[in-house]
């Protein structure tokens, strides 16, 4: 009887300990759980709504509390606003990076613009829509820093093309950018590239508009970018087996940037092709890089717009330019 009594006491104690451990685990999991919401913004430039998915970090309160930096993720050709959650596991990824302290709590916004290539092209005025309609609406709707120091932009493929363009054309609006396998063909897209069939770069007769491509691409924007005082940190990545030749194109872009801002550009050449297997595996590094270039203590930043000069948007110091092959 005595032995049975103490055995039962032992089982009760073990169950209680297990229950407490479960509570701790659940509490820890809940503490790092962000929210994913699908919304839309009316766009006068597009003459339709611009859909988006937004990740709100754990602790975000719409009615009060700190303001947050915003990371805008631009999808590639043939995709929409859902691809980052479906293929890039953005909720789990952002939860983990924020919980680890690898990036500050950040609002992540994933706009949708199929067939636009993020330019004012042959079909849609997507660039105007992004900066005139979309970004102001996001900054009015959510608790954002509301200035260049709190805006980050990243993209894959066509979205990488867009991210690079936005940084070069509007350096006073962006803290840092990341471009994964950016479709930035310096001369012209190859026959296999969707750019040659995308509505953004088609003439009224349905043929590829080489003049528009050249006018919108980075070689045309680079000289003016380096004439002004603001520099934007760049993170560039490409797979060394990219079937569209983007590794070479990314190196060309890196060379141009490194000549003008050697301490504010990073290039990673890694094993991989032009697909989500590569991008998902390297998205952490891009987000960590971007997170280094926004204020860590943003609760008191409000909507200040501090001045920016060379190297601005990089509170932690310049990044080291390097090429890594894995």
Protein backbone atom coordinates (compact mmCIF):
# COMPACT_ATOMS: atom_id res chain seq x y z
CA UNK A 1 0.00 0.00 0.00
CA UNK A 2 2.76 2.46 0.94
CA UNK A 3 4.66 1.58 -2.26
CA UNK A 4 1.52 2.11 -4.35
CA UNK A 5 0.84 5.42 -2.64
CA UNK A 6 4.29 6.81 -3.43
CA UNK A 7 4.14 5.43 -6.98
CA UNK A 8 0.87 7.28 -7.53
CA UNK A 9 2.36 10.46 -6.08
CA UNK A 10 5.28 10.08 -8.50
CA UNK A 11 2.94 9.72 -11.46
CA UNK A 12 1.01 12.85 -10.42
CA UNK A 13 4.22 14.82 -10.08
CA UNK A 14 5.41 13.67 -13.52
CA UNK A 15 2.10 14.61 -15.10
CA UNK A 16 2.25 18.03 -13.46
CA UNK A 17 5.81 18.63 -14.69
CA UNK A 18 4.84 17.55 -18.21
CA UNK A 19 1.85 19.90 -18.10
CA UNK A 20 4.05 22.82 -17.04
CA UNK A 21 6.54 22.09 -19.81
CA UNK A 22 3.71 22.01 -22.35
CA UNK A 23 2.47 25.38 -21.14
CA UNK A 24 5.95 26.84 -21.48
CA UNK A 25 6.32 25.47 -25.01
CA UNK A 26 2.90 26.76 -26.06
CA UNK A 27 3.58 30.15 -24.54
CA UNK A 28 6.89 30.34 -26.39
CA UNK A 29 5.25 29.39 -29.68
CA UNK A 30 2.50 31.96 -29.24
CA UNK A 31 5.01 34.68 -28.42
CA UNK A 32 6.49 34.48 -31.91
CA UNK A 33 3.37 33.97 -34.01
CA UNK A 34 2.70 36.69 -36.55
CA UNK A 35 -0.55 37.24 -38.43
CA UNK A 36 -1.11 36.95 -42.19
CA UNK A 37 -3.93 39.00 -43.74
CA UNK A 38 -5.07 39.38 -47.35
CA UNK A 39 -6.26 42.87 -48.32
CA UNK A 40 -6.44 45.29 -51.28
CA UNK A 41 -5.69 48.94 -52.01
CA UNK A 42 -7.59 50.94 -54.65
CA UNK A 43 -5.21 52.21 -57.31
CA UNK A 44 -6.05 55.15 -59.55
CA UNK A 45 -2.98 54.40 -61.67
CA UNK A 46 -4.09 50.82 -62.35
CA UNK A 47 -7.81 51.67 -62.41
CA UNK A 48 -8.42 48.64 -60.19
CA UNK A 49 -7.61 47.33 -56.75
CA UNK A 50 -4.07 46.23 -55.96
CA UNK A 51 -4.28 43.07 -53.87
CA UNK A 52 -1.69 42.27 -51.24
CA UNK A 53 -0.89 39.95 -48.35
CA UNK A 54 0.54 41.47 -45.17
CA UNK A 55 2.44 39.83 -42.32
CA UNK A 56 1.96 41.61 -38.99
CA UNK A 57 4.53 40.62 -36.34
CA UNK A 58 3.49 39.31 -32.97
CA UNK A 59 2.65 42.20 -30.65
CA UNK A 60 1.45 44.48 -33.42
CA UNK A 61 -1.45 46.63 -32.24
CA UNK A 62 -3.34 48.77 -34.77
CA UNK A 63 -4.57 51.20 -32.13
CA UNK A 64 -1.29 51.98 -30.40
CA UNK A 65 2.25 50.96 -29.64
CA UNK A 66 5.50 51.13 -31.60
CA UNK A 67 5.89 51.86 -35.29
CA UNK A 68 7.54 49.27 -37.51
CA UNK A 69 9.78 49.13 -40.57
CA UNK A 70 8.15 47.67 -43.68
CA UNK A 71 9.61 45.09 -46.03
CA UNK A 72 7.97 45.08 -49.47
CA UNK A 73 8.38 41.76 -51.29
CA UNK A 74 7.97 41.92 -55.08
CA UNK A 75 7.01 38.66 -56.80
CA UNK A 76 8.31 37.41 -60.12
CA UNK A 77 6.62 36.99 -63.49
CA UNK A 78 3.60 34.71 -63.52
CA UNK A 79 3.09 34.92 -59.74
CA UNK A 80 0.96 36.97 -57.38
CA UNK A 81 0.83 38.12 -53.77
CA UNK A 82 0.33 34.61 -52.38
CA UNK A 83 3.60 33.09 -53.60
CA UNK A 84 5.71 34.39 -50.69
CA UNK A 85 3.59 32.55 -48.14
CA UNK A 86 3.09 29.43 -50.25
CA UNK A 87 6.62 28.98 -51.61
CA UNK A 88 8.70 31.21 -49.34
CA UNK A 89 7.12 30.22 -45.98
CA UNK A 90 7.23 33.89 -45.05
CA UNK A 91 5.19 33.58 -41.84
CA UNK A 92 7.36 30.88 -40.29
CA UNK A 93 10.49 32.55 -41.61
CA UNK A 94 9.70 36.03 -40.26
CA UNK A 95 8.51 34.59 -36.93
CA UNK A 96 11.80 32.72 -36.53
CA UNK A 97 14.12 35.54 -37.61
CA UNK A 98 12.37 38.04 -35.35
CA UNK A 99 12.34 35.62 -32.41
CA UNK A 100 16.06 34.92 -32.88
CA UNK A 101 16.83 38.62 -33.05
CA UNK A 102 18.22 38.23 -36.57
CA UNK A 103 15.91 41.00 -37.78
CA UNK A 104 13.77 43.55 -35.92
CA UNK A 105 9.99 43.16 -35.73
CA UNK A 106 8.91 44.11 -39.23
CA UNK A 107 5.70 44.41 -41.22
CA UNK A 108 6.07 42.42 -44.44
CA UNK A 109 3.88 43.50 -47.36
CA UNK A 110 3.50 41.36 -50.50
CA UNK A 111 1.73 43.28 -53.30
CA UNK A 112 0.26 41.68 -56.42
CA UNK A 113 1.02 42.94 -59.91
CA UNK A 114 0.84 40.11 -62.47
CA UNK A 115 2.14 41.03 -65.88
CA UNK A 116 3.57 44.38 -64.82
CA UNK A 117 7.31 43.81 -64.18
CA UNK A 118 6.98 46.70 -61.69
CA UNK A 119 7.37 49.42 -64.36
CA UNK A 120 5.11 51.91 -66.10
CA UNK A 121 4.99 49.67 -69.13
CA UNK A 122 2.88 48.82 -72.11
CA UNK A 123 -0.09 47.63 -70.06
CA UNK A 124 -0.09 49.05 -66.52
CA UNK A 125 1.44 52.03 -64.76
CA UNK A 126 2.73 49.72 -62.05
CA UNK A 127 5.60 51.91 -60.86
CA UNK A 128 3.26 54.87 -60.40
CA UNK A 129 0.73 52.62 -58.69
CA UNK A 130 3.34 51.32 -56.24
CA UNK A 131 4.71 54.70 -55.16
CA UNK A 132 1.66 56.93 -55.57
CA UNK A 133 -1.17 54.63 -54.50
CA UNK A 134 0.18 51.58 -52.71
CA UNK A 135 2.98 52.72 -50.38
CA UNK A 136 1.06 55.75 -49.06
CA UNK A 137 -1.99 53.54 -48.42
CA UNK A 138 0.10 50.97 -46.52
CA UNK A 139 1.74 53.66 -44.41
CA UNK A 140 -1.65 55.17 -43.60
CA UNK A 141 -3.26 51.81 -42.81
CA UNK A 142 -0.54 50.30 -40.59
CA UNK A 143 1.79 51.51 -37.85
CA UNK A 144 4.87 52.06 -40.01
CA UNK A 145 7.86 54.33 -39.56
CA UNK A 146 6.64 56.17 -42.65
CA UNK A 147 10.04 57.28 -43.94
CA UNK A 148 12.93 56.04 -46.06
CA UNK A 149 14.76 54.62 -43.04
CA UNK A 150 11.87 52.22 -42.49
CA UNK A 151 11.34 51.00 -46.08
CA UNK A 152 12.98 47.83 -47.34
CA UNK A 153 12.39 46.23 -50.73
CA UNK A 154 13.24 42.73 -51.95
CA UNK A 155 12.25 40.74 -54.99
CA UNK A 156 12.89 37.60 -57.00
CA UNK A 157 13.47 37.50 -60.77
CA UNK A 158 11.17 40.19 -62.25
CA UNK A 159 10.62 41.41 -58.69
CA UNK A 160 14.40 41.64 -58.30
CA UNK A 161 14.44 43.78 -61.44
CA UNK A 162 11.84 46.00 -59.79
CA UNK A 163 13.70 46.22 -56.48
CA UNK A 164 16.93 47.26 -58.21
CA UNK A 165 15.13 49.90 -60.28
CA UNK A 166 13.33 51.36 -57.30
CA UNK A 167 16.58 51.72 -55.35
CA UNK A 168 18.43 53.35 -58.23
CA UNK A 169 15.57 55.63 -59.26
CA UNK A 170 14.31 56.56 -55.78
CA UNK A 171 17.30 56.20 -53.44
CA UNK A 172 15.87 58.76 -51.03
CA UNK A 173 12.84 56.50 -50.44
CA UNK A 174 14.53 53.20 -49.58
CA UNK A 175 16.77 52.02 -46.72
CA UNK A 176 18.10 48.87 -48.43
CA UNK A 177 17.20 46.38 -51.16
CA UNK A 178 17.73 42.69 -51.87
CA UNK A 179 17.46 41.16 -55.33
CA UNK A 180 17.41 37.38 -55.72
CA UNK A 181 18.14 36.20 -59.28
CA UNK A 182 17.22 39.66 -60.61
CA UNK A 183 16.14 39.67 -64.26
CA UNK A 184 18.33 42.68 -65.05
CA UNK A 185 19.62 41.82 -68.52
CA UNK A 186 21.92 44.73 -69.33
CA UNK A 187 21.30 44.57 -73.09
CA UNK A 188 18.22 42.48 -73.85
CA UNK A 189 16.40 39.49 -72.34
CA UNK A 190 17.16 36.09 -73.88
CA UNK A 191 14.54 34.29 -75.96
CA UNK A 192 13.50 32.14 -72.99
CA UNK A 193 12.87 35.10 -70.68
CA UNK A 194 9.25 35.91 -69.88
CA UNK A 195 10.18 39.58 -70.24
CA UNK A 196 9.95 39.18 -73.99
CA UNK A 197 6.29 38.15 -73.67
CA UNK A 198 5.27 40.18 -70.64
CA UNK A 199 2.59 42.85 -71.27
CA UNK A 200 4.85 45.43 -69.58
CA UNK A 201 7.33 45.31 -72.47
CA UNK A 202 5.09 44.71 -75.48
CA UNK A 203 4.35 47.20 -78.24
CA UNK A 204 0.74 47.63 -79.43
CA UNK A 205 1.51 45.09 -82.17
CA UNK A 206 2.43 42.49 -79.54
CA UNK A 207 6.17 42.53 -80.24
CA UNK A 208 8.86 43.02 -77.60
CA UNK A 209 9.66 46.70 -77.04
CA UNK A 210 13.46 46.88 -76.89
CA UNK A 211 13.44 50.67 -76.52
CA UNK A 212 11.22 50.48 -73.44
CA UNK A 213 13.38 47.74 -71.91
CA UNK A 214 16.54 49.80 -72.39
CA UNK A 215 14.89 52.93 -70.99
CA UNK A 216 13.72 51.17 -67.83
CA UNK A 217 16.78 49.04 -67.05
CA UNK A 218 19.60 49.73 -64.60
CA UNK A 219 22.36 50.80 -67.07
CA UNK A 220 20.25 53.86 -67.89
CA UNK A 221 19.54 54.62 -64.22
CA UNK A 222 23.03 54.03 -62.83
CA UNK A 223 24.76 57.30 -63.86
CA UNK A 224 22.04 59.50 -62.39
CA UNK A 225 22.02 57.41 -59.20
CA UNK A 226 25.73 58.05 -58.64
CA UNK A 227 25.32 61.78 -59.30
CA UNK A 228 23.16 62.24 -56.21
CA UNK A 229 24.33 62.02 -52.56
CA UNK A 230 22.29 59.07 -51.26
CA UNK A 231 23.55 55.48 -51.46
CA UNK A 232 21.39 52.41 -50.93
CA UNK A 233 22.85 49.13 -49.57
CA UNK A 234 22.33 46.27 -52.04
CA UNK A 235 22.18 42.51 -51.45
CA UNK A 236 22.48 40.55 -54.71
CA UNK A 237 22.16 36.79 -55.09
CA UNK A 238 22.05 34.37 -58.02
CA UNK A 239 22.34 30.67 -58.61
CA UNK A 240 25.49 29.72 -60.48
CA UNK A 241 23.48 27.32 -62.68
CA UNK A 242 20.74 29.81 -63.58
CA UNK A 243 19.35 28.61 -66.89
CA UNK A 244 18.46 32.18 -67.95
CA UNK A 245 22.01 33.50 -67.64
CA UNK A 246 21.16 35.66 -64.65
CA UNK A 247 24.36 34.82 -62.73
CA UNK A 248 26.39 36.72 -65.34
CA UNK A 249 23.89 39.59 -65.39
CA UNK A 250 23.96 39.84 -61.59
CA UNK A 251 27.76 40.00 -61.62
CA UNK A 252 27.56 42.83 -64.17
CA UNK A 253 25.20 44.74 -61.90
CA UNK A 254 27.45 44.06 -58.92
CA UNK A 255 30.45 45.43 -60.83
CA UNK A 256 28.65 48.69 -61.56
CA UNK A 257 27.57 49.11 -57.94
CA UNK A 258 30.91 48.07 -56.45
CA UNK A 259 32.74 50.70 -58.49
CA UNK A 260 30.62 53.44 -56.95
CA UNK A 261 29.83 52.10 -53.47
CA UNK A 262 32.17 49.18 -52.66
CA UNK A 263 31.20 49.05 -48.99
CA UNK A 264 27.45 48.99 -49.66
CA UNK A 265 26.96 46.01 -51.95
CA UNK A 266 27.08 42.29 -51.28
CA UNK A 267 27.02 39.54 -53.90
CA UNK A 268 26.38 35.88 -53.20
CA UNK A 269 26.77 33.30 -55.95
CA UNK A 270 25.38 30.02 -54.71
CA UNK A 271 24.65 26.58 -56.08
CA UNK A 272 21.23 26.55 -57.71
CA UNK A 273 18.97 27.33 -60.63
CA UNK A 274 16.26 29.93 -61.28
CA UNK A 275 13.56 28.60 -58.97
CA UNK A 276 11.94 28.73 -55.56
CA UNK A 277 14.21 25.99 -54.22
CA UNK A 278 17.06 28.46 -54.51
CA UNK A 279 15.14 31.55 -53.39
CA UNK A 280 13.60 29.92 -50.35
CA UNK A 281 17.00 28.61 -49.25
CA UNK A 282 18.56 32.07 -49.50
CA UNK A 283 15.73 34.31 -48.33
CA UNK A 284 16.92 34.23 -44.71
CA UNK A 285 20.26 35.80 -45.62
CA UNK A 286 18.55 38.52 -47.63
CA UNK A 287 16.12 39.38 -44.83
CA UNK A 288 18.91 39.44 -42.24
CA UNK A 289 20.91 41.80 -44.46
CA UNK A 290 17.92 44.10 -44.86
CA UNK A 291 17.17 44.03 -41.14
CA UNK A 292 20.61 45.47 -40.40
CA UNK A 293 19.71 48.65 -42.26
CA UNK A 294 16.68 49.85 -40.29
CA UNK A 295 16.48 51.33 -36.78
CA UNK A 296 16.35 48.65 -34.09
CA UNK A 297 14.61 50.90 -31.55
CA UNK A 298 11.62 52.09 -33.53
CA UNK A 299 9.11 52.60 -30.74
CA UNK A 300 10.00 56.27 -30.50
CA UNK A 301 10.79 56.90 -34.18
CA UNK A 302 7.23 57.85 -35.08
CA UNK A 303 7.20 59.31 -38.57
CA UNK A 304 10.43 61.25 -38.38
CA UNK A 305 12.27 61.78 -41.64
CA UNK A 306 15.92 62.20 -40.68
CA UNK A 307 18.27 63.43 -43.38
CA UNK A 308 20.13 60.89 -45.50
CA UNK A 309 23.53 61.19 -47.09
CA UNK A 310 26.07 58.77 -48.49
CA UNK A 311 25.70 55.50 -46.64
CA UNK A 312 22.41 56.55 -45.06
CA UNK A 313 19.96 53.85 -44.17
CA UNK A 314 22.86 51.83 -42.78
CA UNK A 315 22.98 52.56 -39.04
CA UNK A 316 25.19 49.57 -38.34
CA UNK A 317 27.97 50.60 -40.72
CA UNK A 318 28.79 49.64 -44.28
CA UNK A 319 28.38 46.12 -45.52
CA UNK A 320 31.40 44.32 -46.90
CA UNK A 321 31.30 43.57 -50.60
CA UNK A 322 32.12 39.93 -51.23
CA UNK A 323 31.35 36.99 -53.43
CA UNK A 324 30.63 33.67 -51.80
CA UNK A 325 30.29 30.43 -53.71
CA UNK A 326 28.64 27.52 -51.95
